[in-house]
N, C-alpha and C. Protein backbone atom coordinates (compact mmCIF):
# COMPACT_ATOMS: atom_id res chain seq x y z
N MET A 1 -39.47 -27.03 21.73
CA MET A 1 -38.78 -25.77 21.21
C MET A 1 -39.77 -24.74 21.00
N SER A 2 -39.42 -23.60 21.26
CA SER A 2 -40.10 -22.41 20.93
C SER A 2 -39.75 -21.71 19.75
N ASN A 3 -40.51 -21.15 19.08
CA ASN A 3 -40.13 -20.22 17.92
C ASN A 3 -39.99 -18.89 18.38
N LEU A 4 -38.78 -18.39 18.13
CA LEU A 4 -38.44 -17.03 18.38
C LEU A 4 -38.68 -16.08 17.20
N LYS A 5 -39.61 -15.15 17.44
CA LYS A 5 -39.94 -14.19 16.28
C LYS A 5 -39.43 -12.86 16.52
N ILE A 6 -38.75 -12.29 15.61
CA ILE A 6 -38.27 -10.93 15.83
C ILE A 6 -38.72 -10.12 14.70
N SER A 7 -39.29 -9.05 15.01
CA SER A 7 -39.70 -8.07 13.95
C SER A 7 -38.67 -7.42 13.28
N PRO A 8 -38.87 -6.99 12.05
CA PRO A 8 -37.84 -6.26 11.36
C PRO A 8 -37.25 -5.17 11.95
N GLU A 9 -38.11 -4.38 12.83
CA GLU A 9 -37.71 -3.29 13.64
C GLU A 9 -36.79 -3.69 14.72
N GLU A 10 -37.19 -4.77 15.49
CA GLU A 10 -36.23 -5.23 16.54
C GLU A 10 -34.90 -5.71 15.96
N LEU A 11 -34.97 -6.28 14.82
CA LEU A 11 -33.76 -6.75 14.27
C LEU A 11 -32.87 -5.62 13.91
N GLU A 12 -33.34 -4.61 13.27
CA GLU A 12 -32.59 -3.42 12.92
C GLU A 12 -31.98 -2.81 14.21
N GLU A 13 -32.86 -2.62 15.11
CA GLU A 13 -32.39 -2.03 16.44
C GLU A 13 -31.31 -2.86 16.96
N MET A 14 -31.29 -4.31 17.00
CA MET A 14 -30.24 -5.11 17.49
C MET A 14 -28.89 -4.91 16.67
N LEU A 15 -29.11 -4.80 15.29
CA LEU A 15 -27.97 -4.59 14.47
C LEU A 15 -27.33 -3.19 14.73
N ASP A 16 -28.07 -2.16 14.88
CA ASP A 16 -27.68 -0.95 15.18
C ASP A 16 -26.83 -0.87 16.44
N ARG A 17 -27.32 -1.41 17.46
CA ARG A 17 -26.58 -1.49 18.72
C ARG A 17 -25.38 -2.25 18.61
N SER A 18 -25.36 -3.35 17.88
CA SER A 18 -23.99 -4.19 17.67
C SER A 18 -23.02 -3.42 16.86
N ALA A 19 -23.53 -2.64 15.89
CA ALA A 19 -22.66 -1.83 15.19
C ALA A 19 -22.03 -0.75 15.94
N LYS A 20 -22.77 -0.06 16.72
CA LYS A 20 -22.26 0.93 17.58
C LYS A 20 -21.15 0.40 18.69
N ARG A 21 -21.61 -0.73 19.23
CA ARG A 21 -20.57 -1.39 20.18
C ARG A 21 -19.33 -1.66 19.44
N ALA A 22 -19.41 -2.23 18.31
CA ALA A 22 -18.24 -2.54 17.52
C ALA A 22 -17.39 -1.26 17.22
N LEU A 23 -18.01 -0.22 16.84
CA LEU A 23 -17.21 0.96 16.53
C LEU A 23 -16.63 1.57 17.91
N GLU A 24 -17.29 1.46 18.86
CA GLU A 24 -16.87 2.02 20.16
C GLU A 24 -15.67 1.20 20.60
N SER A 25 -15.62 -0.07 20.27
CA SER A 25 -14.52 -0.86 20.69
C SER A 25 -13.24 -0.63 20.00
N ILE A 26 -13.41 0.12 18.86
CA ILE A 26 -12.12 0.30 18.13
C ILE A 26 -11.90 1.76 18.06
N GLY A 27 -12.72 2.65 18.87
CA GLY A 27 -12.49 4.07 19.04
C GLY A 27 -12.96 4.81 17.79
N LEU A 28 -14.05 4.56 17.00
CA LEU A 28 -14.49 5.14 15.85
C LEU A 28 -15.94 5.79 16.17
N THR A 29 -16.18 6.34 17.27
CA THR A 29 -17.53 6.97 17.55
C THR A 29 -17.50 8.52 17.53
N ASP A 30 -16.40 9.09 17.58
CA ASP A 30 -16.30 10.50 17.75
C ASP A 30 -16.36 11.20 16.32
N GLU A 31 -16.50 12.64 16.38
CA GLU A 31 -16.56 13.44 15.08
C GLU A 31 -15.43 13.22 14.14
N ASN A 32 -14.29 12.73 14.65
CA ASN A 32 -13.21 12.45 13.69
C ASN A 32 -13.15 11.07 13.16
N ALA A 33 -14.19 10.34 13.42
CA ALA A 33 -14.15 8.80 12.92
C ALA A 33 -13.94 8.69 11.41
N ALA A 34 -14.73 9.53 10.58
CA ALA A 34 -14.79 9.50 9.18
C ALA A 34 -13.31 9.83 8.58
N ARG A 35 -12.76 10.79 9.34
CA ARG A 35 -11.37 11.29 8.77
C ARG A 35 -10.51 10.17 9.20
N ASP A 36 -10.58 9.54 10.39
CA ASP A 36 -9.65 8.47 10.72
C ASP A 36 -9.67 7.32 9.80
N ILE A 37 -10.92 6.94 9.40
CA ILE A 37 -11.15 5.84 8.30
C ILE A 37 -10.38 6.25 7.01
N MET A 38 -10.67 7.53 6.58
CA MET A 38 -9.93 8.02 5.35
C MET A 38 -8.51 7.95 5.37
N GLU A 39 -8.03 8.17 6.57
CA GLU A 39 -6.53 8.22 6.74
C GLU A 39 -6.04 6.80 6.75
N MET A 40 -6.84 5.90 7.47
CA MET A 40 -6.35 4.47 7.44
C MET A 40 -6.34 3.88 5.97
N ARG A 41 -7.43 4.21 5.28
CA ARG A 41 -7.46 3.79 3.95
C ARG A 41 -6.33 4.46 3.09
N SER A 42 -6.02 5.55 3.26
CA SER A 42 -4.83 6.24 2.62
C SER A 42 -3.62 5.62 2.95
N LEU A 43 -3.39 5.15 4.18
CA LEU A 43 -2.09 4.52 4.54
C LEU A 43 -2.13 3.19 4.05
N LEU A 44 -3.28 2.52 3.93
CA LEU A 44 -3.19 1.17 3.22
C LEU A 44 -3.00 1.23 1.87
N ASP A 45 -3.43 2.21 1.14
CA ASP A 45 -3.11 2.45 -0.30
C ASP A 45 -1.77 2.67 -0.55
N ALA A 46 -1.17 3.48 0.38
CA ALA A 46 0.35 3.96 0.17
C ALA A 46 1.18 2.56 0.49
N TRP A 47 0.74 1.82 1.44
CA TRP A 47 1.53 0.48 1.67
C TRP A 47 1.43 -0.28 0.51
N ARG A 48 0.17 -0.53 -0.14
CA ARG A 48 0.11 -1.39 -1.30
C ARG A 48 0.95 -0.88 -2.45
N ASP A 49 1.00 0.39 -2.62
CA ASP A 49 1.79 1.14 -3.73
C ASP A 49 3.33 0.86 -3.37
N THR A 50 3.73 0.98 -2.24
CA THR A 50 5.11 0.81 -1.76
C THR A 50 5.53 -0.67 -1.88
N ARG A 51 4.67 -1.58 -1.59
CA ARG A 51 4.91 -3.00 -1.72
C ARG A 51 5.03 -3.39 -3.25
N LYS A 52 4.11 -2.79 -4.19
CA LYS A 52 4.24 -3.07 -5.52
C LYS A 52 5.61 -2.33 -6.11
N SER A 53 5.85 -1.28 -5.72
CA SER A 53 7.12 -0.62 -6.13
C SER A 53 8.32 -1.49 -5.70
N ILE A 54 8.33 -1.87 -4.53
CA ILE A 54 9.38 -2.77 -4.10
C ILE A 54 9.53 -3.99 -4.90
N TRP A 55 8.39 -4.65 -5.32
CA TRP A 55 8.40 -5.83 -6.19
C TRP A 55 8.94 -5.48 -7.48
N ASN A 56 8.52 -4.37 -8.09
CA ASN A 56 8.94 -3.93 -9.46
C ASN A 56 10.47 -3.76 -9.51
N THR A 57 10.89 -2.93 -8.32
CA THR A 57 12.28 -2.57 -8.33
C THR A 57 13.16 -3.89 -8.12
N THR A 58 12.76 -4.88 -7.41
CA THR A 58 13.56 -6.21 -7.23
C THR A 58 13.58 -6.79 -8.53
N VAL A 59 12.46 -6.87 -9.37
CA VAL A 59 12.51 -7.59 -10.54
C VAL A 59 13.49 -6.83 -11.47
N LYS A 60 13.34 -5.59 -11.54
CA LYS A 60 14.35 -4.75 -12.52
C LYS A 60 15.79 -5.00 -12.04
N ILE A 61 16.01 -5.02 -10.80
CA ILE A 61 17.48 -5.32 -10.43
C ILE A 61 17.90 -6.57 -10.95
N LEU A 62 17.09 -7.63 -10.57
CA LEU A 62 17.45 -9.09 -11.02
C LEU A 62 17.65 -9.19 -12.63
N THR A 63 16.75 -8.56 -13.25
CA THR A 63 16.86 -8.56 -14.74
C THR A 63 18.15 -7.86 -15.14
N VAL A 64 18.46 -6.70 -14.70
CA VAL A 64 19.71 -5.97 -15.09
C VAL A 64 20.87 -6.73 -14.62
N ALA A 65 20.82 -7.39 -13.40
CA ALA A 65 22.06 -8.32 -13.07
C ALA A 65 22.28 -9.32 -13.95
N THR A 66 21.11 -10.06 -14.37
CA THR A 66 21.29 -11.21 -15.35
C THR A 66 21.89 -10.72 -16.62
N LEU A 67 21.24 -9.65 -17.19
CA LEU A 67 21.85 -9.15 -18.39
C LEU A 67 23.27 -8.74 -18.38
N THR A 68 23.66 -8.20 -17.22
CA THR A 68 25.02 -7.71 -17.17
C THR A 68 25.88 -9.10 -17.03
N PHE A 69 25.55 -10.02 -16.36
CA PHE A 69 26.28 -11.22 -16.40
C PHE A 69 26.42 -11.94 -17.69
N ILE A 70 25.30 -11.90 -18.45
CA ILE A 70 25.41 -12.51 -19.93
C ILE A 70 26.22 -11.51 -20.70
N ALA A 71 26.07 -10.29 -20.64
CA ALA A 71 26.92 -9.46 -21.52
C ALA A 71 28.42 -9.64 -21.06
N GLY A 72 28.66 -9.72 -19.82
CA GLY A 72 30.18 -9.95 -19.30
C GLY A 72 30.77 -11.32 -19.94
N ALA A 73 29.90 -12.29 -19.75
CA ALA A 73 30.32 -13.61 -20.31
C ALA A 73 30.52 -13.59 -21.77
N VAL A 74 29.79 -12.76 -22.56
CA VAL A 74 29.88 -12.80 -24.01
C VAL A 74 31.18 -12.07 -24.24
N TRP A 75 31.33 -10.98 -23.65
CA TRP A 75 32.50 -10.18 -23.70
C TRP A 75 33.77 -10.84 -23.47
N MET A 76 33.78 -11.62 -22.48
CA MET A 76 34.97 -12.52 -22.03
C MET A 76 35.19 -13.63 -22.89
N SER A 77 34.22 -14.17 -23.59
CA SER A 77 34.39 -15.10 -24.60
C SER A 77 34.90 -14.73 -25.89
N PHE A 78 34.75 -13.27 -26.26
CA PHE A 78 35.41 -12.76 -27.28
C PHE A 78 36.67 -12.16 -27.01
N ASN A 79 36.88 -11.79 -25.88
CA ASN A 79 38.16 -11.24 -25.39
C ASN A 79 39.19 -12.28 -25.19
N GLY A 80 38.72 -13.46 -24.88
CA GLY A 80 39.65 -14.55 -24.59
C GLY A 80 40.30 -15.23 -25.66
N GLU A 81 39.75 -15.01 -26.98
CA GLU A 81 40.52 -15.66 -28.06
C GLU A 81 41.68 -15.13 -28.45
C-alpha cells in the first residue's frame, strides 16, 4: 500500500471544485443564486408557519367540539328532568 499525501492547498482546491460542481448541478451558480436561496428559505419558513397554524387550528376545533358536546350533554340532562 502506498500512502497518499495531499497538501492542505490541494485539499482546499478539491473541496472548492466539488462545491462548485454541486452548486452547478442544482443551478445555483449565477448572480441570482443568493436571492434564490433566500427565497427558498422564505418559502420553507412560510411552510413551517402554515403547518404550525394548521396544527393549532385543528387542536382548537377539536377542543371546541369536545366542550360543545359536554355542554350539550349537560344541558340535555338538566332539560330532561
